[in-house]
Protein backbone atom coordinates (compact mmCIF):
# COMPACT_ATOMS: atom_id res chain seq x y z
CA UNK A 1 -223.89 -3.91 23.64
CA UNK A 2 -221.18 -2.41 26.08
CA UNK A 3 -218.92 0.10 24.50
CA UNK A 4 -215.99 2.55 25.65
CA UNK A 5 -214.10 4.15 23.14
CA UNK A 6 -214.93 2.23 20.27
CA UNK A 7 -215.01 4.74 17.57
CA UNK A 8 -212.79 2.61 15.19
CA UNK A 9 -214.86 -0.23 15.04
CA UNK A 10 -218.33 0.62 15.83
CA UNK A 11 -220.03 1.44 12.69
CA UNK A 12 -218.50 -1.82 11.24
CA UNK A 13 -220.24 -3.63 13.84
CA UNK A 14 -223.22 -2.09 13.41
CA UNK A 15 -223.78 -2.15 9.74
CA UNK A 16 -222.81 -5.89 10.09
CA UNK A 17 -225.63 -6.50 12.21
CA UNK A 18 -228.37 -3.97 11.76
CA UNK A 19 -230.52 -5.39 9.19
CA UNK A 20 -230.43 -9.03 11.23
CA UNK A 21 -232.08 -7.50 14.20
CA UNK A 22 -235.28 -5.42 15.76
CA UNK A 23 -233.49 -2.86 17.96
CA UNK A 24 -230.06 -1.72 18.92
CA UNK A 25 -229.13 -0.93 22.33
CA UNK A 26 -225.77 0.55 23.41
CA UNK A 27 -224.48 1.10 26.69
CA UNK A 28 -221.49 3.22 27.16
CA UNK A 29 -218.88 2.88 29.79
CA UNK A 30 -217.26 6.19 29.30
CA UNK A 31 -216.17 6.94 26.25
CA UNK A 32 -214.23 10.21 25.33
CA UNK A 33 -213.99 9.62 21.67
CA UNK A 34 -216.98 9.43 18.99
CA UNK A 35 -218.24 6.25 19.79
CA UNK A 36 -221.71 8.06 20.98
CA UNK A 37 -222.04 9.96 17.84
CA UNK A 38 -221.60 7.06 15.46
CA UNK A 39 -223.99 4.88 17.69
CA UNK A 40 -226.64 7.24 17.06
CA UNK A 41 -226.45 7.16 13.30
CA UNK A 42 -227.96 3.09 14.36
CA UNK A 43 -230.09 3.47 17.28
CA UNK A 44 -231.32 6.25 19.76
CA UNK A 45 -231.44 3.58 22.50
CA UNK A 46 -227.80 4.75 23.98
CA UNK A 47 -227.53 4.72 27.96
CA UNK A 48 -224.61 5.67 29.90
CA UNK A 49 -223.01 2.98 32.96
CA UNK A 50 -220.75 4.01 35.33
CA UNK A 51 -217.96 1.54 35.10
CA UNK A 52 -217.30 -0.11 38.31
CA UNK A 53 -214.80 -3.09 36.81
CA UNK A 54 -217.24 -5.66 36.77
CA UNK A 55 -218.56 -6.76 32.93
CA UNK A 56 -221.24 -8.72 34.07
CA UNK A 57 -223.09 -5.99 35.90
CA UNK A 58 -222.45 -3.66 32.42
CA UNK A 59 -223.99 -6.51 30.30
CA UNK A 60 -227.04 -6.71 33.21
CA UNK A 61 -227.98 -3.21 32.65
CA UNK A 62 -227.66 -3.58 29.03
CA UNK A 63 -229.90 -6.59 28.99
CA UNK A 64 -232.49 -4.63 31.50
CA UNK A 65 -232.96 -2.17 28.60
CA UNK A 66 -234.04 -4.82 25.97
CA UNK A 67 -237.89 -4.90 25.00
CA UNK A 68 -238.22 -7.69 22.37
CA UNK A 69 -238.51 -11.37 23.02
CA UNK A 70 -234.97 -12.15 22.50
CA UNK A 71 -231.85 -10.48 23.23
CA UNK A 72 -228.36 -11.07 21.76
CA UNK A 73 -224.89 -9.37 22.91
CA UNK A 74 -222.04 -8.49 20.77
CA UNK A 75 -218.70 -6.84 21.36
CA UNK A 76 -217.99 -3.62 19.50
CA UNK A 77 -215.36 -5.64 17.34
CA UNK A 78 -217.67 -8.36 16.42
CA UNK A 79 -219.13 -8.82 12.78
CA UNK A 80 -221.52 -10.90 11.07
CA UNK A 81 -219.86 -12.04 7.43
CA UNK A 82 -222.07 -11.93 4.32
CA UNK A 83 -222.65 -15.66 4.65
CA UNK A 84 -223.39 -15.78 8.60
CA UNK A 85 -225.87 -12.81 7.80
CA UNK A 86 -227.68 -14.88 5.43
CA UNK A 87 -227.64 -17.86 7.68
CA UNK A 88 -228.98 -15.69 10.60
CA UNK A 89 -231.80 -14.68 8.83
CA UNK A 90 -232.72 -17.87 7.70
CA UNK A 91 -232.55 -19.10 11.40
CA UNK A 92 -234.72 -16.27 12.38
CA UNK A 93 -237.31 -16.94 9.68
CA UNK A 94 -237.69 -20.56 11.08
CA UNK A 95 -237.23 -19.77 14.66
CA UNK A 96 -238.81 -22.28 17.44
CA UNK A 97 -240.53 -20.42 20.50
CA UNK A 98 -239.22 -23.10 22.69
CA UNK A 99 -235.47 -22.03 22.28
CA UNK A 100 -234.84 -20.35 25.49
CA UNK A 101 -231.16 -20.31 24.69
CA UNK A 102 -229.40 -20.28 21.17
CA UNK A 103 -225.69 -21.20 21.13
CA UNK A 104 -223.46 -19.84 18.22
CA UNK A 105 -220.06 -20.04 17.07
CA UNK A 106 -217.39 -17.60 18.10
CA UNK A 107 -214.51 -17.45 15.98
CA UNK A 108 -211.90 -15.37 17.50
CA UNK A 109 -208.47 -16.39 15.41
CA UNK A 110 -207.86 -16.24 11.82
CA UNK A 111 -205.26 -17.17 9.19
CA UNK A 112 -203.88 -15.04 6.71
CA UNK A 113 -206.59 -16.23 4.20
CA UNK A 114 -209.46 -15.26 6.72
CA UNK A 115 -210.11 -18.92 7.92
CA UNK A 116 -210.95 -19.36 11.30
CA UNK A 117 -208.37 -21.05 13.73
CA UNK A 118 -210.05 -20.30 16.94
CA UNK A 119 -213.23 -21.20 17.48
CA UNK A 120 -215.93 -22.08 20.23
CA UNK A 121 -219.72 -21.78 21.03
CA UNK A 122 -221.14 -19.17 23.25
CA UNK A 123 -224.36 -18.37 24.69
CA UNK A 124 -225.23 -15.86 22.25
CA UNK A 125 -229.17 -15.40 22.23
CA UNK A 126 -231.27 -15.37 24.90
CA UNK A 127 -235.17 -15.44 25.55
CA UNK A 128 -236.29 -12.24 27.75
CA UNK A 129 -239.20 -14.24 29.72
CA UNK A 130 -236.10 -16.38 31.04
CA UNK A 131 -234.56 -13.55 33.06
CA UNK A 132 -230.96 -14.94 32.40
CA UNK A 133 -228.39 -12.76 34.54
CA UNK A 134 -224.87 -12.54 33.49
CA UNK A 135 -222.22 -13.81 36.34
CA UNK A 136 -218.30 -13.07 36.95
CA UNK A 137 -216.99 -9.43 36.77
CA UNK A 138 -214.24 -10.50 34.30
CA UNK A 139 -214.99 -13.19 31.70
CA UNK A 140 -218.44 -12.95 32.57
CA UNK A 141 -220.86 -15.79 31.26
CA UNK A 142 -224.43 -16.55 31.45
CA UNK A 143 -225.35 -19.96 33.23
CA UNK A 144 -226.89 -22.45 30.82
CA UNK A 145 -230.21 -23.38 31.23
CA UNK A 146 -233.69 -24.31 29.53
CA UNK A 147 -234.26 -25.53 26.26
CA UNK A 148 -230.82 -25.05 24.11
CA UNK A 149 -229.95 -25.16 20.49
CA UNK A 150 -226.60 -24.82 18.55
CA UNK A 151 -226.45 -23.10 15.56
CA UNK A 152 -223.46 -23.07 12.91
CA UNK A 153 -223.51 -19.57 12.58
CA UNK A 154 -220.18 -17.34 13.51
CA UNK A 155 -220.01 -14.00 14.84
CA UNK A 156 -216.50 -13.06 14.07
CA UNK A 157 -214.00 -11.27 16.51
CA UNK A 158 -212.05 -8.78 14.43
CA UNK A 159 -209.95 -6.77 16.64
CA UNK A 160 -208.02 -3.63 15.00
CA UNK A 161 -206.05 -2.77 18.27
CA UNK A 162 -205.15 -4.67 20.94
CA UNK A 163 -207.24 -4.14 24.56
CA UNK A 164 -205.25 -3.11 27.81
CA UNK A 165 -203.08 -6.02 28.32
CA UNK A 166 -202.96 -5.33 32.22
CA UNK A 167 -206.91 -4.85 32.80
CA UNK A 168 -207.92 -8.28 33.28
CA UNK A 169 -205.20 -8.91 35.92
CA UNK A 170 -205.94 -5.21 37.64
CA UNK A 171 -209.82 -6.80 38.21
CA UNK A 172 -208.86 -10.02 39.42
CA UNK A 173 -206.46 -8.46 41.95
CA UNK A 174 -208.99 -5.98 43.17
CA UNK A 175 -211.36 -8.79 43.63
CA UNK A 176 -208.61 -10.53 45.78
CA UNK A 177 -208.01 -7.52 47.75
CA UNK A 178 -211.63 -6.89 48.37
CA UNK A 179 -211.78 -10.46 50.04
CA UNK A 180 -213.83 -11.97 47.02
CA UNK A 181 -213.37 -15.46 46.68
CA UNK A 182 -212.80 -16.87 43.07
CA UNK A 183 -214.39 -20.12 42.07
CA UNK A 184 -212.83 -22.56 39.72
CA UNK A 185 -213.32 -21.04 36.69
CA UNK A 186 -212.40 -17.58 37.79
CA UNK A 187 -209.30 -18.93 38.97
CA UNK A 188 -208.51 -20.75 35.88
CA UNK A 189 -209.00 -17.06 34.10
CA UNK A 190 -206.75 -15.42 36.71
CA UNK A 191 -203.92 -18.09 36.51
CA UNK A 192 -204.17 -17.58 32.68
CA UNK A 193 -203.40 -13.82 32.92
CA UNK A 194 -200.30 -14.53 35.27
CA UNK A 195 -199.00 -16.92 32.44
CA UNK A 196 -199.61 -14.43 30.09
CA UNK A 197 -197.51 -11.92 32.22
CA UNK A 198 -194.80 -14.43 32.87
CA UNK A 199 -195.44 -15.04 36.63
CA UNK A 200 -195.25 -18.75 35.82
CA UNK A 201 -194.55 -19.57 39.72
CA UNK A 202 -197.68 -17.81 40.99
CA UNK A 203 -199.82 -19.57 37.94
CA UNK A 204 -199.19 -23.33 38.86
CA UNK A 205 -200.42 -23.89 42.11
CA UNK A 206 -203.49 -22.04 40.86
CA UNK A 207 -203.86 -23.92 37.68
CA UNK A 208 -203.02 -27.22 39.73
CA UNK A 209 -205.98 -26.52 41.89
CA UNK A 210 -208.29 -26.24 39.04
CA UNK A 211 -207.44 -29.59 37.71
CA UNK A 212 -207.40 -31.23 40.88
CA UNK A 213 -211.09 -29.19 41.76
CA UNK A 214 -214.16 -31.50 41.61
CA UNK A 215 -216.44 -28.73 40.76
CA UNK A 216 -214.16 -27.73 37.55
CA UNK A 217 -216.01 -27.79 34.31
CA UNK A 218 -214.16 -30.40 31.96
CA UNK A 219 -213.54 -27.76 29.54
CA UNK A 220 -211.59 -25.42 31.84
CA UNK A 221 -209.80 -28.58 33.01
CA UNK A 222 -208.40 -29.39 29.60
CA UNK A 223 -207.66 -25.91 29.24
CA UNK A 224 -206.00 -25.50 32.56
CA UNK A 225 -203.56 -28.51 31.45
CA UNK A 226 -202.31 -26.92 28.64
CA UNK A 227 -201.65 -23.39 30.19
CA UNK A 228 -199.86 -25.21 33.19
CA UNK A 229 -197.93 -27.27 30.92
CA UNK A 230 -197.00 -24.44 29.13
CA UNK A 231 -195.80 -22.88 32.79
CA UNK A 232 -193.79 -25.93 33.09
CA UNK A 233 -192.11 -25.51 29.70
CA UNK A 234 -191.40 -21.82 30.37
CA UNK A 235 -189.60 -23.20 33.69
CA UNK A 236 -187.64 -25.61 31.65
CA UNK A 237 -189.50 -28.51 32.84
CA UNK A 238 -190.36 -30.68 30.10
CA UNK A 239 -191.13 -33.87 32.29
CA UNK A 240 -193.94 -32.03 34.56
CA UNK A 241 -195.62 -30.50 31.07
CA UNK A 242 -195.87 -33.77 29.52
CA UNK A 243 -197.09 -35.57 32.71
CA UNK A 244 -199.75 -32.62 33.02
CA UNK A 245 -200.92 -32.86 29.48
CA UNK A 246 -201.10 -36.72 29.99
CA UNK A 247 -203.34 -36.48 33.15
CA UNK A 248 -205.97 -35.02 30.53
CA UNK A 249 -206.79 -38.75 29.42
CA UNK A 250 -207.98 -39.35 32.66
CA UNK A 251 -210.85 -37.74 32.11
CA UNK A 252 -211.56 -37.00 28.43
CA UNK A 253 -210.67 -38.61 25.28
CA UNK A 254 -207.78 -37.22 23.69
CA UNK A 255 -208.08 -33.83 22.31
CA UNK A 256 -205.75 -32.63 19.09
CA UNK A 257 -204.74 -29.55 20.88
CA UNK A 258 -203.10 -31.95 23.51
CA UNK A 259 -201.75 -34.50 21.42
CA UNK A 260 -200.07 -31.65 19.52
CA UNK A 261 -198.39 -30.15 22.67
CA UNK A 262 -197.11 -33.65 23.39
CA UNK A 263 -195.75 -33.68 19.91
CA UNK A 264 -194.05 -30.46 20.09
CA UNK A 265 -192.57 -31.31 23.36
CA UNK A 266 -190.85 -34.27 21.97
CA UNK A 267 -190.21 -32.17 18.79
CA UNK A 268 -187.99 -29.80 20.80
CA UNK A 269 -186.24 -32.72 22.47
CA UNK A 270 -185.42 -34.26 18.92
CA UNK A 271 -187.12 -37.15 19.57
CA UNK A 272 -188.79 -37.12 16.30
CA UNK A 273 -190.29 -40.68 16.42
CA UNK A 274 -192.35 -39.88 19.80
CA UNK A 275 -193.24 -36.86 18.13
CA UNK A 276 -194.46 -38.39 14.85
CA UNK A 277 -196.81 -40.71 17.02
CA UNK A 278 -198.47 -37.61 19.00
CA UNK A 279 -198.70 -35.45 15.59
CA UNK A 280 -200.41 -38.86 14.02
CA UNK A 281 -202.83 -39.25 16.86
CA UNK A 282 -203.70 -35.45 16.50
CA UNK A 283 -204.92 -36.06 12.91
CA UNK A 284 -207.23 -39.04 14.58
CA UNK A 285 -209.46 -36.52 16.55
CA UNK A 286 -212.54 -34.69 15.80
CA UNK A 287 -213.75 -31.63 17.51
CA UNK A 288 -216.96 -32.06 19.47
CA UNK A 289 -219.78 -29.55 18.32
CA UNK A 290 -221.51 -29.03 21.66
CA UNK A 291 -218.87 -29.66 24.33
CA UNK A 292 -218.49 -25.71 24.59
CA UNK A 293 -214.76 -25.91 24.65
CA UNK A 294 -212.22 -23.85 22.82
CA UNK A 295 -211.09 -25.49 19.68
CA UNK A 296 -207.46 -24.59 17.64
CA UNK A 297 -209.20 -25.52 14.74
CA UNK A 298 -205.29 -26.17 12.65
CA UNK A 299 -204.38 -28.61 15.36
CA UNK A 300 -206.91 -31.37 14.00
CA UNK A 301 -205.32 -31.37 10.45
CA UNK A 302 -202.85 -28.54 9.21
CA UNK A 303 -200.65 -28.32 11.93
CA UNK A 304 -199.70 -32.03 12.46
CA UNK A 305 -199.57 -32.42 8.79
CA UNK A 306 -196.85 -29.59 8.66
CA UNK A 307 -195.00 -30.70 11.80
CA UNK A 308 -194.81 -34.35 10.54
CA UNK A 309 -193.39 -32.81 7.14
CA UNK A 310 -190.66 -31.50 9.41
CA UNK A 311 -190.28 -34.74 11.53
CA UNK A 312 -189.57 -36.87 8.41
CA UNK A 313 -187.12 -34.02 6.89
CA UNK A 314 -185.23 -34.27 10.06
CA UNK A 315 -185.03 -38.25 9.88
CA UNK A 316 -184.14 -38.07 6.19
CA UNK A 317 -187.12 -39.38 4.98
CA UNK A 318 -187.96 -37.09 2.13
CA UNK A 319 -190.84 -38.64 0.61
CA UNK A 320 -192.73 -38.83 3.51
CA UNK A 321 -191.76 -35.02 4.28
CA UNK A 322 -193.11 -33.95 0.83
CA UNK A 323 -196.26 -36.22 1.17
CA UNK A 324 -197.27 -34.17 4.70
CA UNK A 325 -196.36 -30.98 2.99
CA UNK A 326 -198.62 -31.60 0.03
CA UNK A 327 -201.13 -33.11 2.50
CA UNK A 328 -201.45 -29.72 4.28
CA UNK A 329 -201.35 -27.89 0.96
CA UNK A 330 -204.84 -29.57 0.44
CA UNK A 331 -206.03 -27.86 3.37
CA UNK A 332 -204.70 -24.48 3.27
CA UNK A 333 -203.09 -24.21 -0.57
CA UNK A 334 -202.13 -20.57 -0.06
CA UNK A 335 -200.46 -20.65 3.31
CA UNK A 336 -197.00 -19.32 3.35
CA UNK A 337 -195.90 -22.19 5.61
CA UNK A 338 -196.78 -24.90 3.07
CA UNK A 339 -195.64 -22.72 0.39
CA UNK A 340 -192.21 -22.24 1.67
CA UNK A 341 -191.84 -25.96 2.38
CA UNK A 342 -192.80 -26.58 -1.26
CA UNK A 343 -189.86 -24.11 -2.11
CA UNK A 344 -187.65 -26.01 0.20
CA UNK A 345 -188.03 -29.35 -1.09
CA UNK A 346 -187.67 -27.91 -4.69
CA UNK A 347 -184.37 -26.66 -3.90
CA UNK A 348 -183.09 -29.31 -2.14
CA UNK A 349 -183.71 -31.84 -5.28
CA UNK A 350 -181.50 -29.53 -7.21
């Protein structure tokens, strides 16, 4: 782990993982709170690393301190839930030494009932003899190679407080000012930061270059299309937003995230029939476990059902509206949106 000022979350993380691993290595990048004191309750392997605006260098320093056959990384605001702890121990007991890299789920978004809504697979456990190295100063990653296996065990990312919203943009701009050329993956993440900071006109050409790049990973291309469409929406250019989303069908089967976005565009134009078409299309898609992409889980069922309910209500078809709301209720019976709609229809019948 690499940490800085994580006193409010570190103990929670280490308690959830301490019974799963054989050693814990903490690399501190400049804490001025009780982070180190908390870490000492779990390990004596605590090291200092001078922060140089490069996550990959810090992680490689941490990996260099490992002594076991396999290495696993976590962030301080990650945890293993009880069910995933048990699944991890079972995986470890039946481990195949031919595995070089294990991909585990990363749940990073949750609904009010703590069900995952945003999830993807990440390289999580690596064989030390393979000498894997982290690359890229920001949104660091380990290039995949060797024997790779996927396990449906989740690490849950549970933030208690927001991180510095300008940090990533600062690092990218420092890289550019130092003459560092961004590859297609880094360009996507830089453009996404510009989008987060409402710099849409600056983000649009960068995202377009990612979409058109011959070396762009498919999943980054899908994500770039979603962000680019959002930029066009923010610039009140619905037509370009639709065109951007539809281009993804040229190099991938439809994704529910794309279909839902198309549905939203038509919905905001009050073209409910076309919106219905795309929300129904979203419901027919299935996530691919091993594509490595970001999956907004609710776009495969819950969100389309809710939106279909609203579309049919706007079209004065209460039977179908209630049908889709009840279908949403079978997926998330305690969600406030489903319950609100249910009460809305009750009042409408009075």
